[in-house]
Amino acid sequence: MSNGDTSRFVRLRVDLVMEITDPDLLTGAALDGISDEDHLSDQERSHARQAVQAEPAEAVAHLVDPFDLVNDVPGVELTQASWTSEETEYDPEAEEWDLGDAGDDEELV
């Protein structure tokens, strides 16, 4: 296909599983980030603080921003993004967690 026949838009899907090794450090970083967010009202800030203190997945959601994934990619502009973070059961040996195309000799970063 020539460039004239292809879409200008690309959907990038990323699925990450993270192990929380230090919940206090994670929560503290999220709380610091919330304190630094000037656009939040006092009510929004209070709600966000309660959420990250109650659930580590909320802390992750406050710290991970998909815009950061593509800010430095030349020739692209992020037009839309959404993300969620949730606690999950993880078994690296289970078939459902097989990444498929990644070969045994490839390192995932």
C-alpha atoms as a PDB file:
ATOM      1  CA  MET A   1       0.000   0.000   0.000  1.00  0.00           C
ATOM      2  CA  SER A   2       1.188   3.482  -0.704  1.00  0.00           C
ATOM      3  CA  ASN A   3       1.021   6.228   1.903  1.00  0.00           C
ATOM      4  CA  GLY A   4      -2.048   7.618   0.170  1.00  0.00           C
ATOM      5  CA  ASP A   5      -3.947   4.367   0.821  1.00  0.00           C
ATOM      6  CA  THR A   6      -3.086   3.958   4.489  1.00  0.00           C
ATOM      7  CA  SER A   7      -4.702   5.534   7.511  1.00  0.00           C
ATOM      8  CA  ARG A   8      -2.961   8.333   9.330  1.00  0.00           C
ATOM      9  CA  PHE A   9      -4.141   6.850  12.613  1.00  0.00           C
ATOM     10  CA  VAL A  10      -2.537   3.961  14.482  1.00  0.00           C
ATOM     11  CA  ARG A  11      -3.926   2.232  17.566  1.00  0.00           C
ATOM     12  CA  LEU A  12      -1.183   1.056  19.898  1.00  0.00           C
ATOM     13  CA  ARG A  13      -2.301  -1.485  22.487  1.00  0.00           C
ATOM     14  CA  VAL A  14      -0.039  -2.132  25.436  1.00  0.00           C
ATOM     15  CA  ASP A  15      -0.783  -4.615  28.185  1.00  0.00           C
ATOM     16  CA  LEU A  16       1.533  -4.443  31.195  1.00  0.00           C
ATOM     17  CA  VAL A  17       1.614  -6.499  34.374  1.00  0.00           C
ATOM     18  CA  MET A  18       3.545  -4.926  37.231  1.00  0.00           C
ATOM     19  CA  GLU A  19       4.433  -6.396  40.597  1.00  0.00           C
ATOM     20  CA  ILE A  20       4.052  -3.941  43.449  1.00  0.00           C
ATOM     21  CA  THR A  21       7.194  -4.456  45.507  1.00  0.00           C
ATOM     22  CA  ASP A  22       6.806  -1.460  47.823  1.00  0.00           C
ATOM     23  CA  PRO A  23       3.183  -0.333  48.305  1.00  0.00           C
ATOM     24  CA  ASP A  24       4.169   2.540  50.612  1.00  0.00           C
ATOM     25  CA  LEU A  25       6.648   3.944  48.088  1.00  0.00           C
ATOM     26  CA  LEU A  26       4.059   3.633  45.314  1.00  0.00           C
ATOM     27  CA  THR A  27       1.317   5.319  47.334  1.00  0.00           C
ATOM     28  CA  GLY A  28       3.670   8.065  48.494  1.00  0.00           C
ATOM     29  CA  ALA A  29       4.720   8.860  44.935  1.00  0.00           C
ATOM     30  CA  ALA A  30       1.085   9.011  43.821  1.00  0.00           C
ATOM     31  CA  LEU A  31       0.174  11.296  46.723  1.00  0.00           C
ATOM     32  CA  ASP A  32       3.099  13.584  45.864  1.00  0.00           C
ATOM     33  CA  GLY A  33       1.917  13.704  42.259  1.00  0.00           C
ATOM     34  CA  ILE A  34      -1.624  14.569  43.309  1.00  0.00           C
ATOM     35  CA  SER A  35      -0.311  17.398  45.502  1.00  0.00           C
ATOM     36  CA  ASP A  36       1.560  18.802  42.488  1.00  0.00           C
ATOM     37  CA  GLU A  37      -1.501  18.794  40.189  1.00  0.00           C
ATOM     38  CA  ASP A  38      -2.572  22.446  40.028  1.00  0.00           C
ATOM     39  CA  HIS A  39      -5.684  21.771  37.949  1.00  0.00           C
ATOM     40  CA  LEU A  40      -7.451  19.728  40.653  1.00  0.00           C
ATOM     41  CA  SER A  41     -10.062  21.271  42.906  1.00  0.00           C
ATOM     42  CA  ASP A  42      -9.808  20.574  46.627  1.00  0.00           C
ATOM     43  CA  GLN A  43     -12.674  18.080  46.328  1.00  0.00           C
ATOM     44  CA  GLU A  44     -11.025  16.263  43.384  1.00  0.00           C
ATOM     45  CA  ARG A  45      -7.689  16.219  45.205  1.00  0.00           C
ATOM     46  CA  SER A  46      -9.303  14.741  48.328  1.00  0.00           C
ATOM     47  CA  HIS A  47     -11.089  12.064  46.308  1.00  0.00           C
ATOM     48  CA  ALA A  48      -7.873  11.186  44.433  1.00  0.00           C
ATOM     49  CA  ARG A  49      -5.914  10.901  47.683  1.00  0.00           C
ATOM     50  CA  GLN A  50      -8.522   8.583  49.190  1.00  0.00           C
ATOM     51  CA  ALA A  51      -8.529   6.423  46.044  1.00  0.00           C
ATOM     52  CA  VAL A  52      -4.750   5.930  45.890  1.00  0.00           C
ATOM     53  CA  GLN A  53      -4.554   5.177  49.602  1.00  0.00           C
ATOM     54  CA  ALA A  54      -7.297   2.559  49.312  1.00  0.00           C
ATOM     55  CA  GLU A  55      -6.049   0.702  46.229  1.00  0.00           C
ATOM     56  CA  PRO A  56      -2.557   0.327  44.744  1.00  0.00           C
ATOM     57  CA  ALA A  57      -4.020   0.064  41.233  1.00  0.00           C
ATOM     58  CA  GLU A  58      -5.351   3.611  41.616  1.00  0.00           C
ATOM     59  CA  ALA A  59      -1.874   4.786  42.604  1.00  0.00           C
ATOM     60  CA  VAL A  60      -0.459   3.208  39.452  1.00  0.00           C
ATOM     61  CA  ALA A  61      -3.153   4.866  37.327  1.00  0.00           C
ATOM     62  CA  HIS A  62      -2.178   8.266  38.756  1.00  0.00           C
ATOM     63  CA  LEU A  63       1.498   7.730  37.986  1.00  0.00           C
ATOM     64  CA  VAL A  64       1.383   6.119  34.543  1.00  0.00           C
ATOM     65  CA  ASP A  65       0.438   8.438  31.710  1.00  0.00           C
ATOM     66  CA  PRO A  66       0.082   7.136  28.125  1.00  0.00           C
ATOM     67  CA  PHE A  67       1.024  10.572  26.804  1.00  0.00           C
ATOM     68  CA  ASP A  68       4.531   9.943  28.171  1.00  0.00           C
ATOM     69  CA  LEU A  69       4.851   6.899  25.887  1.00  0.00           C
ATOM     70  CA  VAL A  70       4.626   8.952  22.704  1.00  0.00           C
ATOM     71  CA  ASN A  71       5.653  12.513  23.636  1.00  0.00           C
ATOM     72  CA  ASP A  72       9.131  12.042  22.166  1.00  0.00           C
ATOM     73  CA  VAL A  73       8.139   9.988  19.124  1.00  0.00           C
ATOM     74  CA  PRO A  74       8.922  12.112  16.044  1.00  0.00           C
ATOM     75  CA  GLY A  75       6.159  12.671  13.533  1.00  0.00           C
ATOM     76  CA  VAL A  76       3.213  11.689  15.739  1.00  0.00           C
ATOM     77  CA  GLU A  77       0.672  13.504  17.841  1.00  0.00           C
ATOM     78  CA  LEU A  78      -1.459  11.680  20.386  1.00  0.00           C
ATOM     79  CA  THR A  79      -5.090  12.355  19.547  1.00  0.00           C
ATOM     80  CA  GLN A  80      -6.832  10.196  22.138  1.00  0.00           C
ATOM     81  CA  ALA A  81      -5.868   7.976  25.058  1.00  0.00           C
ATOM     82  CA  SER A  82      -7.541   6.015  27.782  1.00  0.00           C
ATOM     83  CA  TRP A  83      -6.195   3.614  30.336  1.00  0.00           C
ATOM     84  CA  THR A  84      -7.210   1.641  33.332  1.00  0.00           C
ATOM     85  CA  SER A  85      -5.356  -0.036  36.125  1.00  0.00           C
ATOM     86  CA  GLU A  86      -6.691  -2.971  38.089  1.00  0.00           C
ATOM     87  CA  GLU A  87      -5.444  -5.630  40.441  1.00  0.00           C
ATOM     88  CA  THR A  88      -5.155  -9.035  38.815  1.00  0.00           C
ATOM     89  CA  GLU A  89      -4.161 -12.595  39.575  1.00  0.00           C
ATOM     90  CA  TYR A  90      -0.948 -13.371  37.712  1.00  0.00           C
ATOM     91  CA  ASP A  91       0.580 -16.722  36.897  1.00  0.00           C
ATOM     92  CA  PRO A  92       3.458 -16.419  34.422  1.00  0.00           C
ATOM     93  CA  GLU A  93       3.061 -20.108  33.554  1.00  0.00           C
ATOM     94  CA  ALA A  94      -0.622 -19.806  32.607  1.00  0.00           C
ATOM     95  CA  GLU A  95      -1.452 -19.825  28.894  1.00  0.00           C
ATOM     96  CA  GLU A  96      -3.550 -16.666  29.216  1.00  0.00           C
ATOM     97  CA  TRP A  97      -0.372 -14.702  30.046  1.00  0.00           C
ATOM     98  CA  ASP A  98       1.567 -15.982  27.014  1.00  0.00           C
ATOM     99  CA  LEU A  99       2.588 -12.968  24.949  1.00  0.00           C
ATOM    100  CA  GLY A 100       2.550 -15.048  21.799  1.00  0.00           C
ATOM    101  CA  ASP A 101       4.853 -13.423  19.262  1.00  0.00           C
ATOM    102  CA  ALA A 102       7.760 -12.782  21.637  1.00  0.00           C
ATOM    103  CA  GLY A 103      10.420 -15.433  21.108  1.00  0.00           C
ATOM    104  CA  ASP A 104      12.245 -17.115  23.965  1.00  0.00           C
ATOM    105  CA  ASP A 105      15.442 -15.260  23.098  1.00  0.00           C
ATOM    106  CA  GLU A 106      13.772 -11.836  22.998  1.00  0.00           C
ATOM    107  CA  GLU A 107      13.903  -9.652  26.079  1.00  0.00           C
ATOM    108  CA  LEU A 108      10.761  -7.752  26.982  1.00  0.00           C
ATOM    109  CA  VAL A 109      11.391  -4.273  28.326  1.00  0.00           C
END
